[in-house]
């Protein structure tokens, strides 16, 4: 009889309630907030948010350098805009990855070609590799690939795709 009481107490009070796991969109909405005082995404480089098609708790915020330059000029930061225009990053893609709402360092992807749809960054550690973003700006669809460059064959080691949307759409 005592065991039954113990089990009842454990079931009622001792076991934590299982909360529904947050999605990437939930984490993004927390950062975006409901008004200008709670909005953590009010920067020149907060242009698009991209969510993967699979259900992972991460998302990326991306911005095209040309659009960042334009926003800087509108915001009265002409000197900073001119500096970016004259830099090697003038055609780049700025990427912040967020995992469960926590940002990684800004990564700057170099434009590949002249079409403005492919961007890459090469890394040496922990292995030699390359990340590539391909973005269809008309549809908002993206594809992200990771290549291991230590081997003779450069096949994508990992791939993810999804959809991007403007963070601050024009009214």
N, C-alpha and C. Protein backbone atom coordinates (compact mmCIF):
# COMPACT_ATOMS: atom_id res chain seq x y z
N UNK A 1 0.82 -1.20 0.00
CA UNK A 1 0.00 0.00 0.00
C UNK A 1 0.86 1.26 0.00
N UNK A 2 1.95 1.24 0.78
CA UNK A 2 2.83 2.40 0.82
C UNK A 2 3.47 2.65 -0.54
N UNK A 3 3.81 1.60 -1.24
CA UNK A 3 4.41 1.74 -2.56
C UNK A 3 3.46 2.45 -3.51
N UNK A 4 2.20 2.15 -3.39
CA UNK A 4 1.19 2.79 -4.24
C UNK A 4 1.14 4.29 -3.96
N UNK A 5 1.23 4.70 -2.70
CA UNK A 5 1.23 6.12 -2.33
C UNK A 5 2.49 6.83 -2.86
N UNK A 6 3.62 6.15 -2.74
CA UNK A 6 4.87 6.72 -3.23
C UNK A 6 4.79 6.92 -4.75
N UNK A 7 4.28 5.94 -5.44
CA UNK A 7 4.15 6.05 -6.89
C UNK A 7 3.21 7.21 -7.26
N UNK A 8 2.13 7.37 -6.51
CA UNK A 8 1.18 8.45 -6.77
C UNK A 8 1.85 9.81 -6.58
N UNK A 9 2.61 9.96 -5.51
CA UNK A 9 3.30 11.23 -5.23
C UNK A 9 4.34 11.51 -6.32
N UNK A 10 5.09 10.47 -6.72
CA UNK A 10 6.09 10.66 -7.77
C UNK A 10 5.44 11.07 -9.08
N UNK A 11 4.35 10.43 -9.41
CA UNK A 11 3.67 10.75 -10.65
C UNK A 11 3.08 12.16 -10.63
N UNK A 12 2.56 12.57 -9.49
CA UNK A 12 1.92 13.89 -9.41
C UNK A 12 2.91 15.03 -9.26
N UNK A 13 3.96 14.81 -8.45
CA UNK A 13 4.84 15.93 -8.11
C UNK A 13 6.30 15.71 -8.46
N UNK A 14 6.74 14.51 -8.47
CA UNK A 14 8.16 14.23 -8.60
C UNK A 14 8.69 14.23 -10.01
N UNK A 15 7.87 13.98 -11.00
CA UNK A 15 8.34 13.91 -12.37
C UNK A 15 8.12 15.25 -13.06
N UNK A 16 9.13 15.75 -13.73
CA UNK A 16 8.95 17.02 -14.43
C UNK A 16 7.97 16.85 -15.59
N UNK A 17 7.25 17.91 -15.85
CA UNK A 17 6.34 17.90 -16.98
C UNK A 17 7.16 18.02 -18.26
N UNK A 18 6.79 17.29 -19.26
CA UNK A 18 7.50 17.33 -20.52
C UNK A 18 6.91 18.48 -21.35
N UNK A 19 7.77 19.45 -21.66
CA UNK A 19 7.33 20.58 -22.46
C UNK A 19 7.63 20.29 -23.93
N UNK A 20 6.81 20.85 -24.78
CA UNK A 20 7.05 20.67 -26.21
C UNK A 20 8.36 21.35 -26.58
N UNK A 21 9.16 20.70 -27.38
CA UNK A 21 10.44 21.27 -27.81
C UNK A 21 10.19 22.49 -28.68
N UNK A 22 11.04 23.50 -28.51
CA UNK A 22 10.90 24.70 -29.32
C UNK A 22 11.45 24.44 -30.72
N UNK A 23 10.82 25.07 -31.67
CA UNK A 23 11.28 24.97 -33.05
C UNK A 23 12.22 26.13 -33.35
N UNK A 24 12.88 26.06 -34.48
CA UNK A 24 13.75 27.16 -34.91
C UNK A 24 12.95 28.45 -35.01
N UNK A 25 11.72 28.36 -35.52
CA UNK A 25 10.88 29.55 -35.64
C UNK A 25 10.53 30.13 -34.27
N UNK A 26 10.32 29.27 -33.26
CA UNK A 26 10.06 29.75 -31.90
C UNK A 26 11.25 30.55 -31.38
N UNK A 27 12.45 30.01 -31.58
CA UNK A 27 13.66 30.71 -31.13
C UNK A 27 13.81 32.04 -31.87
N UNK A 28 13.55 32.03 -33.17
CA UNK A 28 13.63 33.27 -33.95
C UNK A 28 12.63 34.30 -33.42
N UNK A 29 11.39 33.89 -33.18
CA UNK A 29 10.36 34.81 -32.69
C UNK A 29 10.73 35.40 -31.33
N UNK A 30 11.40 34.62 -30.48
CA UNK A 30 11.89 35.16 -29.20
C UNK A 30 12.86 36.31 -29.44
N UNK A 31 13.77 36.11 -30.39
CA UNK A 31 14.75 37.15 -30.68
C UNK A 31 14.12 38.37 -31.35
N UNK A 32 13.16 38.12 -32.21
CA UNK A 32 12.52 39.22 -32.92
C UNK A 32 11.68 40.06 -31.98
N UNK A 33 11.08 39.44 -30.98
CA UNK A 33 10.29 40.19 -30.01
C UNK A 33 8.99 40.69 -30.60
N UNK A 34 8.29 41.45 -29.81
CA UNK A 34 6.98 41.93 -30.23
C UNK A 34 6.97 43.42 -30.53
N UNK A 35 7.99 44.14 -30.09
CA UNK A 35 8.07 45.58 -30.39
C UNK A 35 9.53 46.00 -30.47
N UNK A 36 9.77 47.26 -30.71
CA UNK A 36 11.14 47.73 -30.93
C UNK A 36 12.02 47.61 -29.69
N UNK A 37 11.43 47.53 -28.50
CA UNK A 37 12.25 47.42 -27.29
C UNK A 37 12.72 45.98 -27.05
N UNK A 38 12.00 45.01 -27.57
CA UNK A 38 12.40 43.61 -27.36
C UNK A 38 13.00 42.99 -28.62
N UNK A 39 13.08 43.75 -29.70
CA UNK A 39 13.58 43.21 -30.97
C UNK A 39 15.11 43.20 -30.96
N UNK A 40 15.69 42.00 -30.92
CA UNK A 40 17.15 41.85 -30.97
C UNK A 40 17.65 41.81 -32.41
N UNK A 41 16.75 41.89 -33.37
CA UNK A 41 17.11 41.78 -34.78
C UNK A 41 16.81 43.10 -35.49
N UNK A 42 17.55 44.11 -35.15
CA UNK A 42 17.31 45.42 -35.74
C UNK A 42 18.62 45.99 -36.24
N UNK A 43 19.40 45.18 -36.93
CA UNK A 43 20.71 45.59 -37.40
C UNK A 43 20.73 45.56 -38.93
N UNK A 44 21.74 46.21 -39.49
CA UNK A 44 21.86 46.24 -40.95
C UNK A 44 21.96 44.83 -41.52
N UNK A 45 22.58 43.93 -40.80
CA UNK A 45 22.81 42.58 -41.33
C UNK A 45 21.69 41.61 -41.02
N UNK A 46 20.61 42.08 -40.46
CA UNK A 46 19.45 41.23 -40.17
C UNK A 46 18.42 41.39 -41.28
N UNK A 47 18.72 40.82 -42.44
CA UNK A 47 17.85 41.02 -43.61
C UNK A 47 16.90 39.86 -43.83
N UNK A 48 17.43 38.64 -43.94
CA UNK A 48 16.62 37.45 -44.19
C UNK A 48 16.84 36.44 -43.06
N UNK A 49 15.78 35.74 -42.71
CA UNK A 49 15.90 34.59 -41.82
C UNK A 49 15.61 33.35 -42.66
N UNK A 50 16.43 32.32 -42.46
CA UNK A 50 16.30 31.10 -43.26
C UNK A 50 16.10 29.90 -42.34
N UNK A 51 15.06 29.14 -42.62
CA UNK A 51 14.75 27.94 -41.85
C UNK A 51 14.94 26.71 -42.74
N UNK A 52 15.57 25.71 -42.18
CA UNK A 52 15.80 24.46 -42.91
C UNK A 52 14.48 23.71 -43.07
N UNK A 53 14.42 22.89 -44.13
CA UNK A 53 13.22 22.07 -44.37
C UNK A 53 13.07 20.99 -43.30
N UNK A 54 14.21 20.48 -42.79
CA UNK A 54 14.11 19.48 -41.73
C UNK A 54 13.90 20.19 -40.39
N UNK A 55 13.46 19.47 -39.41
CA UNK A 55 13.06 20.06 -38.14
C UNK A 55 14.25 20.15 -37.18
N UNK A 56 15.13 21.11 -37.43
CA UNK A 56 16.28 21.33 -36.55
C UNK A 56 16.06 22.64 -35.80
N UNK A 57 16.60 22.76 -34.57
CA UNK A 57 16.37 23.98 -33.79
C UNK A 57 17.35 25.10 -34.13
N UNK A 58 17.78 25.15 -35.39
CA UNK A 58 18.70 26.21 -35.79
C UNK A 58 18.15 26.96 -37.00
N UNK A 59 18.63 28.17 -37.17
CA UNK A 59 18.27 28.98 -38.33
C UNK A 59 19.45 29.89 -38.63
N UNK A 60 19.44 30.50 -39.80
CA UNK A 60 20.49 31.45 -40.16
C UNK A 60 19.85 32.78 -40.51
N UNK A 61 20.58 33.84 -40.23
CA UNK A 61 20.20 35.18 -40.65
C UNK A 61 21.27 35.63 -41.62
N UNK A 62 20.83 36.02 -42.81
CA UNK A 62 21.76 36.38 -43.87
C UNK A 62 21.43 37.77 -44.41
N UNK A 63 22.45 38.37 -45.02
CA UNK A 63 22.26 39.66 -45.68
C UNK A 63 23.28 39.78 -46.80
N UNK A 64 22.82 40.32 -47.92
CA UNK A 64 23.72 40.61 -49.03
C UNK A 64 24.43 41.93 -48.73
N UNK A 65 25.73 41.97 -49.00
CA UNK A 65 26.52 43.17 -48.72
C UNK A 65 25.94 44.39 -49.41
N UNK A 66 25.48 44.24 -50.64
CA UNK A 66 24.92 45.38 -51.37
C UNK A 66 23.71 45.97 -50.63
N UNK A 67 22.90 45.11 -50.04
CA UNK A 67 21.73 45.58 -49.29
C UNK A 67 22.15 46.22 -47.97
N UNK A 68 23.20 45.68 -47.34
CA UNK A 68 23.72 46.27 -46.10
C UNK A 68 24.24 47.68 -46.39
N UNK A 69 24.96 47.84 -47.49
CA UNK A 69 25.47 49.15 -47.88
C UNK A 69 24.33 50.14 -48.07
N UNK A 70 23.29 49.70 -48.76
CA UNK A 70 22.12 50.56 -49.00
C UNK A 70 21.47 50.97 -47.68
N UNK A 71 21.30 50.02 -46.75
CA UNK A 71 20.69 50.32 -45.45
C UNK A 71 21.56 51.26 -44.62
N UNK A 72 22.88 51.09 -44.72
CA UNK A 72 23.80 51.99 -44.01
C UNK A 72 23.63 53.42 -44.51
N UNK A 73 23.54 53.58 -45.81
CA UNK A 73 23.36 54.91 -46.39
C UNK A 73 22.04 55.52 -45.93
N UNK A 74 20.97 54.72 -45.95
CA UNK A 74 19.66 55.22 -45.48
C UNK A 74 19.72 55.62 -44.02
N UNK A 75 20.52 54.88 -43.23
CA UNK A 75 20.63 55.15 -41.79
C UNK A 75 21.60 56.26 -41.44
N UNK A 76 22.19 56.89 -42.46
CA UNK A 76 23.09 58.01 -42.20
C UNK A 76 24.53 57.60 -41.91
N UNK A 77 24.88 56.38 -42.22
CA UNK A 77 26.25 55.90 -42.00
C UNK A 77 27.00 55.79 -43.32
N UNK A 78 27.07 56.91 -44.02
CA UNK A 78 27.68 56.93 -45.35
C UNK A 78 29.15 56.53 -45.31
N UNK A 79 29.88 56.93 -44.27
CA UNK A 79 31.30 56.61 -44.18
C UNK A 79 31.51 55.10 -44.06
N UNK A 80 30.71 54.44 -43.21
CA UNK A 80 30.81 52.99 -43.06
C UNK A 80 30.38 52.28 -44.35
N UNK A 81 29.35 52.81 -45.00
CA UNK A 81 28.89 52.22 -46.26
C UNK A 81 29.98 52.32 -47.32
N UNK A 82 30.64 53.46 -47.39
CA UNK A 82 31.70 53.65 -48.38
C UNK A 82 32.87 52.70 -48.10
N UNK A 83 33.17 52.52 -46.83
CA UNK A 83 34.26 51.61 -46.44
C UNK A 83 33.94 50.18 -46.87
N UNK A 84 32.69 49.74 -46.68
CA UNK A 84 32.28 48.40 -47.09
C UNK A 84 32.28 48.29 -48.62
N UNK A 85 31.83 49.34 -49.30
CA UNK A 85 31.82 49.34 -50.77
C UNK A 85 33.21 49.17 -51.35
N UNK A 86 34.20 49.71 -50.67
CA UNK A 86 35.57 49.67 -51.17
C UNK A 86 36.35 48.45 -50.68
N UNK A 87 35.71 47.62 -49.88
CA UNK A 87 36.40 46.45 -49.32
C UNK A 87 36.23 45.24 -50.24
N UNK A 88 36.94 44.18 -49.89
CA UNK A 88 36.81 42.93 -50.65
C UNK A 88 35.48 42.22 -50.35
N UNK A 89 34.74 42.72 -49.39
CA UNK A 89 33.46 42.10 -49.00
C UNK A 89 32.25 42.76 -49.65
N UNK A 90 32.45 43.61 -50.64
CA UNK A 90 31.34 44.38 -51.21
C UNK A 90 30.28 43.51 -51.90
N UNK A 91 30.64 42.29 -52.28
CA UNK A 91 29.68 41.38 -52.92
C UNK A 91 29.39 40.15 -52.05
N UNK A 92 29.76 40.22 -50.80
CA UNK A 92 29.70 39.06 -49.90
C UNK A 92 28.28 38.79 -49.38
N UNK A 93 28.18 37.67 -48.70
CA UNK A 93 26.97 37.29 -47.98
C UNK A 93 27.35 37.18 -46.50
N UNK A 94 26.68 37.94 -45.65
CA UNK A 94 26.93 37.90 -44.22
C UNK A 94 26.00 36.88 -43.59
N UNK A 95 26.55 35.97 -42.79
CA UNK A 95 25.78 34.86 -42.23
C UNK A 95 26.00 34.75 -40.73
N UNK A 96 24.90 34.75 -40.00
CA UNK A 96 24.90 34.44 -38.57
C UNK A 96 24.07 33.17 -38.39
N UNK A 97 24.66 32.13 -37.85
CA UNK A 97 23.92 30.90 -37.56
C UNK A 97 23.49 30.94 -36.10
N UNK A 98 22.26 30.56 -35.85
CA UNK A 98 21.72 30.51 -34.49
C UNK A 98 21.32 29.07 -34.19
N UNK A 99 21.78 28.59 -33.05
CA UNK A 99 21.37 27.26 -32.59
C UNK A 99 20.66 27.46 -31.26
N UNK A 100 19.39 27.10 -31.23
CA UNK A 100 18.53 27.29 -30.06
C UNK A 100 18.58 28.74 -29.57
N UNK A 101 18.61 29.66 -30.53
CA UNK A 101 18.55 31.08 -30.22
C UNK A 101 19.87 31.74 -29.87
N UNK A 102 20.96 30.99 -29.91
CA UNK A 102 22.28 31.53 -29.57
C UNK A 102 23.09 31.66 -30.86
N UNK A 103 23.62 32.87 -31.10
CA UNK A 103 24.33 33.15 -32.34
C UNK A 103 25.78 32.67 -32.29
N UNK A 104 26.27 32.27 -33.45
CA UNK A 104 27.69 32.03 -33.63
C UNK A 104 28.32 33.33 -34.12
N UNK A 105 29.63 33.34 -34.31
CA UNK A 105 30.29 34.51 -34.85
C UNK A 105 29.82 34.75 -36.29
N UNK A 106 29.89 36.00 -36.69
CA UNK A 106 29.55 36.35 -38.07
C UNK A 106 30.52 35.67 -39.01
N UNK A 107 29.98 35.08 -40.07
CA UNK A 107 30.81 34.50 -41.13
C UNK A 107 30.54 35.29 -42.40
N UNK A 108 31.62 35.56 -43.14
CA UNK A 108 31.51 36.31 -44.38
C UNK A 108 31.83 35.38 -45.53
N UNK A 109 30.83 35.11 -46.35
CA UNK A 109 30.96 34.22 -47.50
C UNK A 109 31.27 35.05 -48.74
N UNK A 110 32.27 34.65 -49.49
CA UNK A 110 32.65 35.34 -50.72
C UNK A 110 31.71 34.95 -51.85
N UNK A 111 31.40 35.92 -52.70
CA UNK A 111 30.57 35.65 -53.87
C UNK A 111 31.35 34.75 -54.84
N UNK A 112 30.63 33.79 -55.43
CA UNK A 112 31.21 32.90 -56.43
C UNK A 112 30.55 33.26 -57.75
N UNK A 113 31.33 33.66 -58.73
CA UNK A 113 30.77 34.07 -60.01
C UNK A 113 30.20 35.47 -59.92
N UNK A 114 29.41 35.84 -60.93
CA UNK A 114 28.88 37.20 -61.01
C UNK A 114 27.36 37.25 -60.89
N UNK A 115 26.70 36.12 -60.73
CA UNK A 115 25.24 36.09 -60.70
C UNK A 115 24.66 36.50 -59.35
N UNK A 116 25.45 36.44 -58.28
CA UNK A 116 24.96 36.82 -56.96
C UNK A 116 24.07 35.79 -56.31
N UNK A 117 24.24 34.51 -56.67
CA UNK A 117 23.42 33.46 -56.08
C UNK A 117 24.23 32.43 -55.30
N UNK A 118 25.55 32.39 -55.51
CA UNK A 118 26.40 31.41 -54.83
C UNK A 118 27.47 32.12 -54.02
N UNK A 119 27.69 31.60 -52.81
CA UNK A 119 28.65 32.20 -51.88
C UNK A 119 29.39 31.07 -51.17
N UNK A 120 30.70 31.26 -50.94
CA UNK A 120 31.44 30.18 -50.27
C UNK A 120 32.43 30.75 -49.26
N UNK A 121 32.81 29.88 -48.34
CA UNK A 121 33.83 30.19 -47.35
C UNK A 121 34.64 28.91 -47.15
N UNK A 122 35.96 29.06 -47.13
CA UNK A 122 36.83 27.90 -46.94
C UNK A 122 37.39 27.93 -45.53
N UNK A 123 37.57 26.75 -44.94
CA UNK A 123 38.12 26.66 -43.59
C UNK A 123 39.19 25.59 -43.54
N UNK A 124 40.10 25.71 -42.58
CA UNK A 124 41.23 24.79 -42.44
C UNK A 124 41.11 23.89 -41.22
N UNK A 125 40.29 24.28 -40.25
CA UNK A 125 40.23 23.53 -39.00
C UNK A 125 38.78 23.21 -38.66
N UNK A 126 38.45 22.08 -38.14
CA UNK A 126 39.31 20.96 -37.74
C UNK A 126 39.79 20.14 -38.93
N UNK A 127 39.12 20.26 -40.08
CA UNK A 127 39.59 19.63 -41.31
C UNK A 127 39.52 20.71 -42.40
N UNK A 128 40.15 20.46 -43.51
CA UNK A 128 40.10 21.40 -44.63
C UNK A 128 38.79 21.20 -45.37
N UNK A 129 38.01 22.27 -45.48
CA UNK A 129 36.72 22.15 -46.14
C UNK A 129 36.20 23.47 -46.65
N UNK A 130 35.00 23.42 -47.18
CA UNK A 130 34.36 24.60 -47.75
C UNK A 130 32.86 24.49 -47.54
N UNK A 131 32.24 25.61 -47.15
CA UNK A 131 30.78 25.72 -47.06
C UNK A 131 30.31 26.57 -48.23
N UNK A 132 29.19 26.18 -48.82
CA UNK A 132 28.65 26.92 -49.96
C UNK A 132 27.15 27.15 -49.74
N UNK A 133 26.73 28.42 -49.86
CA UNK A 133 25.31 28.76 -49.89
C UNK A 133 24.93 29.09 -51.33
N UNK A 134 23.84 28.51 -51.79
CA UNK A 134 23.25 28.87 -53.07
C UNK A 134 21.84 29.37 -52.77
N UNK A 135 21.53 30.58 -53.22
CA UNK A 135 20.25 31.20 -52.89
C UNK A 135 19.54 31.62 -54.17
N UNK A 136 18.28 31.21 -54.28
CA UNK A 136 17.42 31.70 -55.35
C UNK A 136 16.67 32.87 -54.73
N UNK A 137 17.10 34.09 -55.02
CA UNK A 137 16.53 35.27 -54.38
C UNK A 137 15.08 35.49 -54.79
N UNK A 138 14.67 35.00 -55.95
CA UNK A 138 13.28 35.17 -56.40
C UNK A 138 12.30 34.34 -55.57
N UNK A 139 12.71 33.12 -55.20
CA UNK A 139 11.81 32.24 -54.45
C UNK A 139 12.12 32.17 -52.97
N UNK A 140 13.33 32.59 -52.59
CA UNK A 140 13.74 32.50 -51.19
C UNK A 140 14.29 31.13 -50.81
N UNK A 141 14.36 30.21 -51.75
CA UNK A 141 14.88 28.87 -51.45
C UNK A 141 16.41 28.92 -51.39
N UNK A 142 16.98 28.13 -50.46
CA UNK A 142 18.43 28.07 -50.38
C UNK A 142 18.89 26.63 -50.26
N UNK A 143 20.15 26.42 -50.60
CA UNK A 143 20.80 25.12 -50.41
C UNK A 143 22.17 25.40 -49.80
N UNK A 144 22.47 24.68 -48.73
CA UNK A 144 23.74 24.82 -48.02
C UNK A 144 24.49 23.50 -48.13
N UNK A 145 25.75 23.56 -48.58
CA UNK A 145 26.55 22.34 -48.74
C UNK A 145 27.88 22.50 -48.02
N UNK A 146 28.35 21.39 -47.45
CA UNK A 146 29.65 21.34 -46.81
C UNK A 146 30.50 20.36 -47.60
N UNK A 147 31.68 20.80 -48.00
CA UNK A 147 32.60 19.96 -48.77
C UNK A 147 33.85 19.67 -47.94
N UNK A 148 34.28 18.43 -47.93
CA UNK A 148 35.56 18.05 -47.34
C UNK A 148 36.59 18.13 -48.46
N UNK A 149 37.61 18.97 -48.29
CA UNK A 149 38.57 19.20 -49.36
C UNK A 149 39.86 18.43 -49.18
N UNK A 150 39.96 17.61 -48.15
CA UNK A 150 41.18 16.84 -47.92
C UNK A 150 41.33 15.66 -48.87
N UNK A 151 40.26 15.26 -49.49
CA UNK A 151 40.33 14.11 -50.39
C UNK A 151 40.48 14.59 -51.83
N UNK A 152 40.73 13.66 -52.73
CA UNK A 152 40.88 14.02 -54.15
C UNK A 152 39.53 14.36 -54.78
N UNK A 153 38.47 13.77 -54.27
CA UNK A 153 37.14 14.01 -54.82
C UNK A 153 36.42 15.01 -53.90
N UNK A 154 35.87 16.07 -54.48
CA UNK A 154 35.20 17.10 -53.70
C UNK A 154 33.68 16.94 -53.81
N UNK A 155 33.17 15.94 -53.13
CA UNK A 155 31.72 15.73 -53.08
C UNK A 155 31.17 16.37 -51.82
N UNK A 156 29.93 16.82 -51.89
CA UNK A 156 29.31 17.41 -50.71
C UNK A 156 29.22 16.37 -49.60
N UNK A 157 29.79 16.70 -48.43
CA UNK A 157 29.76 15.80 -47.28
C UNK A 157 28.44 15.92 -46.53
N UNK A 158 27.83 17.10 -46.62
CA UNK A 158 26.54 17.33 -45.98
C UNK A 158 25.79 18.38 -46.79
N UNK A 159 24.47 18.29 -46.73
CA UNK A 159 23.65 19.23 -47.49
C UNK A 159 22.36 19.50 -46.74
N UNK A 160 21.89 20.73 -46.80
CA UNK A 160 20.63 21.11 -46.17
C UNK A 160 19.98 22.16 -47.07
N UNK A 161 18.68 22.16 -47.11
CA UNK A 161 17.98 23.17 -47.90
C UNK A 161 16.82 23.71 -47.09
N UNK A 162 16.31 24.84 -47.53
CA UNK A 162 15.21 25.45 -46.81
C UNK A 162 14.72 26.70 -47.51
N UNK A 163 14.07 27.56 -46.74
CA UNK A 163 13.45 28.76 -47.31
C UNK A 163 13.77 29.97 -46.44
N UNK A 164 14.05 31.08 -47.12
CA UNK A 164 14.35 32.35 -46.44
C UNK A 164 13.18 33.30 -46.62
N UNK A 165 13.05 34.21 -45.66
CA UNK A 165 12.03 35.24 -45.74
C UNK A 165 12.61 36.53 -45.17
N UNK A 166 12.10 37.65 -45.65
CA UNK A 166 12.55 38.94 -45.12
C UNK A 166 12.18 39.06 -43.66
N UNK A 167 13.09 39.61 -42.86
CA UNK A 167 12.81 39.81 -41.44
C UNK A 167 11.93 41.03 -41.26
N UNK A 168 12.26 42.09 -41.95
CA UNK A 168 11.51 43.36 -41.85
C UNK A 168 10.93 43.69 -43.22
N UNK A 169 9.84 43.02 -43.62
CA UNK A 169 9.29 43.28 -44.95
C UNK A 169 8.82 44.73 -45.08
N UNK A 170 8.95 45.27 -46.28
CA UNK A 170 8.50 46.63 -46.54
C UNK A 170 6.98 46.69 -46.39
N UNK A 171 6.53 47.75 -45.78
CA UNK A 171 5.09 47.91 -45.53
C UNK A 171 4.35 48.37 -46.75
